[in-house]
Each structure stands twice: as C-alpha cells, then as structure tokens.
Amino acid sequence: MLGVGRTATEVELKSAYRKLALQFHPDRNPNNPDAEEKFKEVSEAYAILADSEKRSVYDRYGHAGLGSAGQGVGFDSSVFQDFNDIFGEFFGFGDLFGGGGGRRRSRVQRGADLREDLTLEFEEAFFGTETQVTVRRHEACEDCRGSGAAPGKSPTTCRSCNGRGQVRYQQGFFSIARTCPTCQGTGSVITDPCTKCKGEGRILRQRTVDAKVPAGVEDGTRIRFAGAGEVGQFGGPAGDLYVVLHVKEHPFFEREGNDLRCVVPISVAQAAMGAEIRVPTMEGEHTLKVPEGTQPGTTFRIRNKGVPVLNGHGKGDLYVQARVQIPNRLSKRQRELLQELETTAKVDNHPMLRSLLGKVKDIFG
C-alpha cells in the first residue's frame, strides 16, 4: 500500500505515507469515494507499520495475522502527530478523524506560576521558621468576577467565525483553516468590557503570603505554594508560587548535606595528655573527650548533632576537627620544658614523662 520494501526505515515510512496522504486526501479529491477509500487504506497501512509490535506480526503472518491474533487495526491518530501541523493547518485533518483541528480554544486559561526569592539566616534554615513573602500578582476583578465583561453583560458570539474559532480560506485544492484573528480562537468576543479591569478580567495587586519554612532546608531549596500564583484569565484557576531559598553561610559551621563540620583549637598539652573540651553545637554546648595522644587534624564524630532531615526523621552528624595550636613565642621556661620533653619522650615509659607533661599543661593552659 505504501510502496516501500520490508526493510523500510521509520523515516522512509513517514515520507511515503505523507506523499500518498497528500495525494488522496478527501479535501483534495471532493466527491471522489475511491480517493477517500485509498486514503483510509494508506492510513491503516501506516498505522500498522508505525507500531513495532503490529509490524512484527504483519511481517510473519500478513494482514490476516493481525485480525486472527485479535489485534484489529483501527485508526490511531497518535501516529500522525508529526504531520499534525501540516494536515491540521491545511486540511483540517483533526476534524476528519475527530481530532482537535476544529476545536475552539477555551477563553478560560490557567494562571501563570510565580517565583520569589527568600534569603534566610543559617539558624532559620536549621530550625525552620515562619516568615512572609511579598508577591505582585494578578487577581480576579471583583466587579466582573473575572469574566472581563461589564457587570450584567456577557461575551457574544464572534461574527467573523460564527463561534467556531476558526476561519477557512480556499486556495486551489487546499482548504486552509486559520485561527480567527477577531476572537483569537475562543469563538466569542467581549463587546462591553469591564471598566475596572478594561476587559482583562484581572487586576495587578501586591499581596503578602505567609510562608512556613520547614527545618533542614538548604540553599536552593524550592518550596511550592499551590494556588498562590497569578489567577487565570476569565475565571481560570490560579497558578502556583515557588519560593526559592538562599541560605547565608555560618561563621563557624560548614554544612555538607545533613552533616555539619567545624574546627576546634586545642593546646599541645590537651592533645598530648587528653582532655574534655566544650564544643559548640547548633543546640548548645557538647562535652567532647579528646583522647591522649591526639594528632593534629584528627576528626571526631558527634552523632545526631547535624541538620534535621528535611520532611523526615533524625538528624545528621557533627564532625569536629582538632587543630593543635602551637605557641608563636616561648618563654625561657617554656623552651626548657619542651626541650626536656623532647629528651624524655624518647625513653619509653619514662617515670618522669607524666610529671613533666603536667608541668607543660599548667604553663600552656
């Protein structure tokens, strides 16, 4: 039917079908039942071959196999989406098979979505907060209730297209359908517009929207507020409001996912002999035990002291890196003690080591 071989590619199938469909389309062959029948046949052929499963059955059993296998082939308009602009615009292809080519465009439209940016302090993102966002948006006109027509009036049928939303022009063999320029495809026009909104059905206003920010949000988090966007034209539903969050950095903590990281200074004596130090967290101080012989750069993990899991349960962890502070200047006594430490530390289990370390701890704090 399409005049192509069994090894034809999808592109070749589409090209062959397009030529035949243009040739036998009923609009180009008025009062010609043979051409209409031919058009239906090539359409059915393409519908079969464009479907990989149906094509496989057809290759094995032929057309009879499709029927016997219970896979009767009807017209499937979805396979013609690539040609919809061509056939719908020039021939009213959608009208011929019940598609949307001649359908009027609805005057009612959904409102646009809006975006607002909100800057938060680190603590607000950690614990969550309740704040407000200022939004400029279109809202329905109270006088006409969003219709765009003056109170007591209503849109009238468009005379240019008689309410169809499209106008047709005959150009040789072609019957060209175009969107009606008068009503923009809606099929109706407003002859008595509302004086307050000038026929738009909407008025621009500034509103304050309450925004509840949950705990655990991070930089770039987007929160959706359904129905808080612009109201649609002529009574259409409102769009959504998307609030994009920008979180300031913390002077002490660094965030990695749900974990926090920080650096805590400790003295030489604390690193050598061990100690209990007070570590700040977002929820107060925490006692951290630094073991004896802690090396510079050692990282300690404190569980459940990180960021709350957004819309979930639990928290991340806090990682504390120990930074051993080396004195910039030493007194004569401090230098003597460190030299003595250097000497005695070379002797394993020397009885003077702990006594000497105690003196170093007293001096360095």
Protein backbone atom coordinates (compact mmCIF):
# COMPACT_ATOMS: atom_id res chain seq x y z
CA MET A 1 0.00 0.00 0.00
CA LEU A 2 2.79 2.45 0.83
CA GLY A 3 5.11 1.29 -1.93
CA VAL A 4 8.11 0.57 0.32
CA GLY A 5 10.10 -2.60 0.94
CA ARG A 6 10.10 -4.76 4.07
CA THR A 7 13.35 -3.17 5.26
CA ALA A 8 11.99 0.38 5.08
CA THR A 9 13.07 2.61 7.95
CA GLU A 10 10.75 4.76 10.03
CA VAL A 11 11.81 7.85 8.10
CA GLU A 12 11.07 6.15 4.78
CA LEU A 13 7.66 5.05 6.06
CA LYS A 14 6.74 8.57 7.09
CA SER A 15 7.92 10.05 3.80
CA ALA A 16 5.94 7.52 1.72
CA TYR A 17 2.82 7.95 3.80
CA ARG A 18 2.99 11.73 3.64
CA LYS A 19 3.12 11.74 -0.16
CA LEU A 20 0.18 9.33 -0.50
CA ALA A 21 -1.89 11.07 2.16
CA LEU A 22 -1.46 14.40 0.41
CA GLN A 23 -2.37 12.77 -2.89
CA PHE A 24 -5.55 11.01 -1.76
CA HIS A 25 -6.79 13.36 0.98
CA PRO A 26 -10.57 13.90 0.60
CA ASP A 27 -10.18 17.67 0.66
CA ARG A 28 -8.09 17.45 -2.49
CA ASN A 29 -10.47 14.93 -4.06
CA PRO A 30 -14.03 16.13 -3.34
CA ASN A 31 -16.86 13.75 -4.35
CA ASN A 32 -14.34 11.01 -5.09
CA PRO A 33 -15.14 7.93 -2.95
CA ASP A 34 -12.24 5.97 -4.47
CA ALA A 35 -9.71 8.54 -3.29
CA GLU A 36 -11.26 8.59 0.19
CA GLU A 37 -11.08 4.79 0.37
CA LYS A 38 -7.47 4.88 -0.77
CA PHE A 39 -6.66 7.46 1.86
CA LYS A 40 -8.12 5.21 4.57
CA GLU A 41 -6.14 2.24 3.29
CA VAL A 42 -2.77 4.01 3.33
CA SER A 43 -3.60 5.44 6.75
CA GLU A 44 -4.29 1.93 8.07
CA ALA A 45 -1.09 0.65 6.48
CA TYR A 46 0.99 3.33 8.15
CA ALA A 47 -0.77 2.76 11.49
CA ILE A 48 0.29 -0.90 11.34
CA LEU A 49 3.87 -0.36 10.22
CA ALA A 50 4.50 2.54 12.63
CA ASP A 51 3.77 0.18 15.56
CA SER A 52 6.72 -2.17 16.13
CA GLU A 53 4.57 -4.97 17.59
CA LYS A 54 1.97 -4.82 14.84
CA ARG A 55 4.68 -4.62 12.21
CA SER A 56 6.34 -7.76 13.63
CA VAL A 57 3.04 -9.69 13.44
CA TYR A 58 2.40 -8.38 9.93
CA ASP A 59 5.86 -9.44 8.76
CA ARG A 60 5.21 -13.00 9.99
CA TYR A 61 1.55 -13.59 9.19
CA GLY A 62 0.45 -10.74 6.91
CA HIS A 63 -2.73 -8.71 7.34
CA ALA A 64 -4.76 -11.80 8.22
CA GLY A 65 -2.47 -12.44 11.17
CA LEU A 66 -3.40 -9.11 12.71
CA GLY A 67 -7.07 -9.96 12.64
CA SER A 68 -6.73 -13.57 13.80
CA ALA A 69 -4.48 -12.57 16.65
CA GLY A 70 -7.18 -10.31 17.97
CA GLN A 71 -5.23 -7.18 17.05
CA GLY A 72 -7.72 -5.48 14.82
CA VAL A 73 -6.33 -2.26 13.44
CA GLY A 74 -8.38 0.89 13.76
CA PHE A 75 -7.33 4.42 13.05
CA ASP A 76 -4.81 5.68 15.61
CA SER A 77 -4.41 9.43 15.35
CA SER A 78 -1.35 9.39 17.62
CA VAL A 79 0.87 8.07 14.81
CA PHE A 80 0.16 11.23 12.82
CA GLN A 81 1.41 13.73 15.40
CA ASP A 82 4.44 14.53 13.23
CA PHE A 83 2.08 15.67 10.45
CA ASN A 84 -0.49 17.35 12.64
CA ASP A 85 0.71 20.85 11.79
CA ILE A 86 0.55 20.12 8.06
CA PHE A 87 -2.80 18.33 7.92
CA GLY A 88 -4.44 20.27 10.73
CA GLU A 89 -3.49 23.63 9.28
CA PHE A 90 -4.18 22.96 5.62
CA PHE A 91 -6.83 20.24 5.55
CA GLY A 92 -8.50 20.21 8.96
CA PHE A 93 -7.00 16.74 9.48
CA GLY A 94 -8.16 16.67 13.11
CA ASP A 95 -11.74 17.39 12.10
CA LEU A 96 -11.80 14.49 9.64
CA PHE A 97 -10.99 11.90 12.30
CA GLY A 98 -12.39 13.53 15.41
CA GLY A 99 -9.20 15.29 16.47
CA GLY A 100 -8.75 18.80 17.77
CA GLY A 101 -8.18 20.65 14.49
CA GLY A 102 -11.55 22.42 14.58
CA ARG A 103 -11.90 22.69 18.33
CA ARG A 104 -12.47 26.14 19.78
CA ARG A 105 -9.87 27.49 22.10
CA SER A 106 -11.11 27.95 25.64
CA ARG A 107 -11.19 31.54 26.84
CA VAL A 108 -10.51 30.35 30.39
CA GLN A 109 -6.79 29.83 30.99
CA ARG A 110 -4.72 28.73 33.97
CA GLY A 111 -2.77 31.50 35.64
CA ALA A 112 0.99 31.75 35.41
CA ASP A 113 3.33 30.38 38.06
CA LEU A 114 5.37 32.93 40.01
CA ARG A 115 8.82 32.83 41.59
CA GLU A 116 10.07 34.75 44.59
CA ASP A 117 13.48 34.56 46.28
CA LEU A 118 13.86 34.46 50.06
CA THR A 119 17.13 34.85 51.99
CA LEU A 120 17.42 33.01 55.32
CA GLU A 121 19.88 33.07 58.15
CA PHE A 122 21.68 29.78 58.75
CA GLU A 123 19.78 29.30 62.00
CA GLU A 124 16.41 29.82 60.27
CA ALA A 125 17.22 27.10 57.76
CA PHE A 126 18.39 24.77 60.54
CA PHE A 127 15.43 25.14 62.89
CA GLY A 128 12.77 26.22 60.39
CA THR A 129 10.86 29.47 60.55
CA GLU A 130 7.63 31.23 59.71
CA THR A 131 8.01 34.31 57.57
CA GLN A 132 6.23 36.30 54.88
CA VAL A 133 6.84 36.77 51.17
CA THR A 134 5.68 39.83 49.22
CA VAL A 135 4.17 38.93 45.84
CA ARG A 136 2.89 41.05 42.96
CA ARG A 137 0.27 39.03 41.11
CA HIS A 138 -2.89 39.30 39.03
CA GLU A 139 -6.10 38.61 40.89
CA ALA A 140 -9.67 38.29 39.69
CA CYS A 141 -11.53 41.56 39.18
CA GLU A 142 -14.26 41.95 41.80
CA ASP A 143 -16.59 43.92 39.52
CA CYS A 144 -16.81 41.41 36.66
CA ARG A 145 -15.76 38.35 38.70
CA GLY A 146 -13.06 37.55 36.21
CA SER A 147 -15.26 37.43 33.11
CA GLY A 148 -13.87 40.64 31.58
CA ALA A 149 -17.39 41.78 30.62
CA ALA A 150 -19.18 44.67 32.26
CA PRO A 151 -21.48 43.71 35.17
CA GLY A 152 -24.72 42.27 33.76
CA LYS A 153 -23.12 41.63 30.36
CA SER A 154 -21.56 38.53 28.85
CA PRO A 155 -19.33 37.69 25.85
CA THR A 156 -21.13 37.47 22.49
CA THR A 157 -20.62 35.05 19.60
CA CYS A 158 -17.86 36.13 17.25
CA ARG A 159 -19.32 37.19 13.90
CA SER A 160 -16.12 36.57 11.97
CA CYS A 161 -16.12 32.81 12.63
CA ASN A 162 -19.72 32.32 13.86
CA GLY A 163 -18.41 30.92 17.12
CA ARG A 164 -16.22 28.22 15.54
CA GLY A 165 -12.91 29.84 16.50
CA GLN A 166 -11.50 29.26 13.00
CA VAL A 167 -11.93 30.78 9.59
CA ARG A 168 -11.29 28.87 6.35
CA TYR A 169 -9.82 30.03 3.07
CA GLN A 170 -9.93 28.20 -0.25
CA GLN A 171 -6.68 28.23 -2.20
CA GLY A 172 -6.85 25.95 -5.22
CA PHE A 173 -7.06 22.37 -4.00
CA PHE A 174 -6.38 23.40 -0.41
CA SER A 175 -8.87 24.38 2.25
CA ILE A 176 -6.82 26.32 4.77
CA ALA A 177 -8.05 26.71 8.36
CA ARG A 178 -6.69 29.58 10.42
CA THR A 179 -7.30 30.76 13.97
CA CYS A 180 -9.86 33.51 13.92
CA PRO A 181 -7.98 36.82 14.32
CA THR A 182 -11.01 38.54 15.85
CA CYS A 183 -11.65 36.22 18.82
CA GLN A 184 -8.22 34.52 18.90
CA GLY A 185 -9.87 31.13 18.56
CA THR A 186 -12.27 31.43 21.50
CA GLY A 187 -15.42 31.83 19.43
CA SER A 188 -16.65 34.80 21.44
CA VAL A 189 -15.80 38.46 21.93
CA ILE A 190 -16.36 40.98 24.70
CA THR A 191 -18.33 43.89 23.31
CA ASP A 192 -18.91 45.62 26.66
CA PRO A 193 -15.67 45.33 28.65
CA CYS A 194 -15.49 45.88 32.39
CA THR A 195 -14.35 49.43 33.11
CA LYS A 196 -12.31 48.46 36.17
CA CYS A 197 -10.11 45.78 34.56
CA LYS A 198 -10.61 47.01 30.95
CA GLY A 199 -11.79 43.60 29.81
CA GLU A 200 -8.82 41.67 31.18
CA GLY A 201 -10.75 40.06 34.00
CA ARG A 202 -7.75 40.56 36.30
CA ILE A 203 -6.14 43.33 38.33
CA LEU A 204 -2.49 43.53 39.45
CA ARG A 205 -2.09 43.66 43.23
CA GLN A 206 0.62 43.26 45.84
CA ARG A 207 -0.02 40.64 48.50
CA THR A 208 1.82 39.19 51.49
CA VAL A 209 1.89 35.38 51.61
CA ASP A 210 2.60 33.52 54.84
CA ALA A 211 5.47 31.10 54.24
CA LYS A 212 6.27 28.28 56.66
CA VAL A 213 9.82 27.08 56.09
CA PRO A 214 10.46 23.57 57.47
CA ALA A 215 13.61 22.68 59.40
CA GLY A 216 16.52 21.36 57.38
CA VAL A 217 16.14 23.34 54.15
CA GLU A 218 19.32 24.16 52.27
CA ASP A 219 20.47 26.73 49.77
CA GLY A 220 18.50 26.38 46.54
CA THR A 221 15.52 24.58 48.08
CA ARG A 222 12.29 25.40 46.24
CA ILE A 223 9.00 25.46 48.15
CA ARG A 224 5.73 25.27 46.21
CA PHE A 225 2.63 27.11 47.41
CA ALA A 226 -0.27 25.72 45.37
CA GLY A 227 -2.74 28.28 44.07
CA ALA A 228 -0.71 31.27 45.29
CA GLY A 229 0.35 32.34 41.80
CA GLU A 230 -1.50 34.50 39.31
CA VAL A 231 -5.21 34.00 38.75
CA GLY A 232 -6.01 32.73 35.25
CA GLN A 233 -7.73 34.87 32.66
CA PHE A 234 -11.52 34.95 32.55
CA GLY A 235 -12.02 32.92 35.71
CA GLY A 236 -9.25 30.39 35.12
CA PRO A 237 -7.55 28.61 38.04
CA ALA A 238 -4.59 30.23 39.73
CA GLY A 239 -1.02 29.13 39.13
CA ASP A 240 1.46 28.24 41.85
CA LEU A 241 4.02 30.27 43.76
CA TYR A 242 7.56 28.90 44.00
CA VAL A 243 9.77 30.35 46.72
CA VAL A 244 13.50 29.73 46.15
CA LEU A 245 15.55 29.82 49.35
CA HIS A 246 19.03 31.29 49.71
CA VAL A 247 20.77 30.38 52.98
CA LYS A 248 23.58 32.52 54.39
CA GLU A 249 26.81 30.85 55.45
CA HIS A 250 27.56 30.27 59.15
CA PRO A 251 30.73 31.82 60.60
CA PHE A 252 31.66 28.60 62.47
CA PHE A 253 29.84 25.62 60.94
CA GLU A 254 30.09 24.32 57.40
CA ARG A 255 27.24 22.25 56.03
CA GLU A 256 27.66 19.09 53.93
CA GLY A 257 24.27 17.59 53.20
CA ASN A 258 22.74 16.91 56.61
CA ASP A 259 26.14 16.91 58.36
CA LEU A 260 27.96 19.82 59.94
CA ARG A 261 31.69 20.34 60.18
CA CYS A 262 33.75 22.66 62.38
CA VAL A 263 37.32 23.16 63.57
CA VAL A 264 38.10 23.40 67.31
CA PRO A 265 41.51 24.55 68.60
CA ILE A 266 43.20 22.56 71.37
CA SER A 267 46.52 23.12 73.12
CA VAL A 268 49.62 20.96 72.85
CA ALA A 269 49.07 19.74 76.38
CA GLN A 270 45.44 18.77 75.67
CA ALA A 271 46.47 16.88 72.56
CA ALA A 272 49.29 15.07 74.35
CA MET A 273 47.60 14.23 77.66
CA GLY A 274 43.96 14.16 76.60
CA ALA A 275 41.17 16.35 77.95
CA GLU A 276 37.46 17.05 78.00
CA ILE A 277 36.56 20.14 76.00
CA ARG A 278 33.31 22.02 75.41
CA VAL A 279 32.32 22.01 71.74
CA PRO A 280 29.62 24.38 70.45
CA THR A 281 26.69 22.87 68.51
CA MET A 282 23.61 24.46 66.98
CA GLU A 283 21.65 23.39 70.04
CA GLY A 284 24.12 24.27 72.79
CA GLU A 285 27.48 23.04 74.07
CA HIS A 286 28.55 19.40 73.99
CA THR A 287 31.31 17.76 76.06
CA LEU A 288 33.85 16.05 73.81
CA LYS A 289 36.51 13.71 75.20
CA VAL A 290 39.84 14.21 73.47
CA PRO A 291 41.93 11.09 73.98
CA GLU A 292 45.58 11.11 74.97
CA GLY A 293 47.96 11.42 72.03
CA THR A 294 45.51 13.13 69.67
CA GLN A 295 47.26 14.11 66.46
CA PRO A 296 46.71 17.42 64.63
CA GLY A 297 43.83 17.17 62.17
CA THR A 298 42.07 14.30 63.96
CA THR A 299 38.31 14.43 63.32
CA PHE A 300 35.75 13.39 65.91
CA ARG A 301 32.16 12.42 65.11
CA ILE A 302 29.28 13.55 67.33
CA ARG A 303 26.10 11.74 66.33
CA ASN A 304 22.74 13.47 65.81
CA LYS A 305 24.13 16.98 66.18
CA GLY A 306 23.82 17.83 62.49
CA VAL A 307 21.00 19.25 60.39
CA PRO A 308 17.45 17.86 60.71
CA VAL A 309 16.41 15.67 57.77
CA LEU A 310 14.02 17.72 55.62
CA ASN A 311 10.47 16.35 55.86
CA GLY A 312 11.83 13.27 57.57
CA HIS A 313 13.15 11.93 60.86
CA GLY A 314 16.52 12.16 62.53
CA LYS A 315 19.50 14.43 62.05
CA GLY A 316 22.91 14.33 60.50
CA ASP A 317 26.15 14.28 62.48
CA LEU A 318 28.64 16.90 63.62
CA TYR A 319 32.29 16.36 62.66
CA VAL A 320 34.81 18.19 64.82
CA GLN A 321 38.39 18.56 63.60
CA ALA A 322 41.01 19.15 66.28
CA ARG A 323 43.52 21.85 65.40
CA VAL A 324 46.53 21.82 67.73
CA GLN A 325 47.69 25.35 68.46
CA ILE A 326 51.45 25.82 68.51
CA PRO A 327 52.65 28.86 70.50
CA ASN A 328 54.23 31.59 68.38
CA ARG A 329 56.61 32.70 71.12
CA LEU A 330 58.02 30.75 74.04
CA SER A 331 59.38 31.99 77.34
CA LYS A 332 62.70 30.70 78.57
CA ARG A 333 60.97 28.34 80.99
CA GLN A 334 58.62 27.01 78.31
CA ARG A 335 61.53 26.36 75.98
CA GLU A 336 63.39 24.46 78.74
CA LEU A 337 60.35 22.30 79.45
CA LEU A 338 59.83 21.47 75.77
CA GLN A 339 63.49 20.55 75.40
CA GLU A 340 63.20 18.34 78.45
CA LEU A 341 60.02 16.81 76.96
CA GLU A 342 61.80 16.13 73.69
CA THR A 343 64.55 14.29 75.57
CA THR A 344 62.40 12.27 77.93
CA ALA A 345 59.77 11.39 75.30
CA LYS A 346 62.37 9.29 73.50
CA VAL A 347 62.53 6.95 76.51
CA ASP A 348 59.57 4.55 76.58
CA ASN A 349 57.51 4.57 79.79
CA HIS A 350 59.90 7.01 81.44
CA PRO A 351 58.63 7.72 85.01
CA MET A 352 59.29 11.47 84.64
CA LEU A 353 57.15 11.84 81.46
CA ARG A 354 53.76 12.27 83.09
CA SER A 355 55.12 14.68 85.71
CA LEU A 356 56.76 16.76 83.00
CA LEU A 357 53.60 16.78 80.86
CA GLY A 358 51.68 18.01 83.88
CA LYS A 359 54.02 20.99 84.13
CA VAL A 360 53.61 21.71 80.38
CA LYS A 361 49.86 21.62 80.74
CA ASP A 362 49.96 24.12 83.58
CA ILE A 363 52.11 26.54 81.57
CA PHE A 364 50.21 26.28 78.25
CA GLY A 365 46.80 26.29 79.90
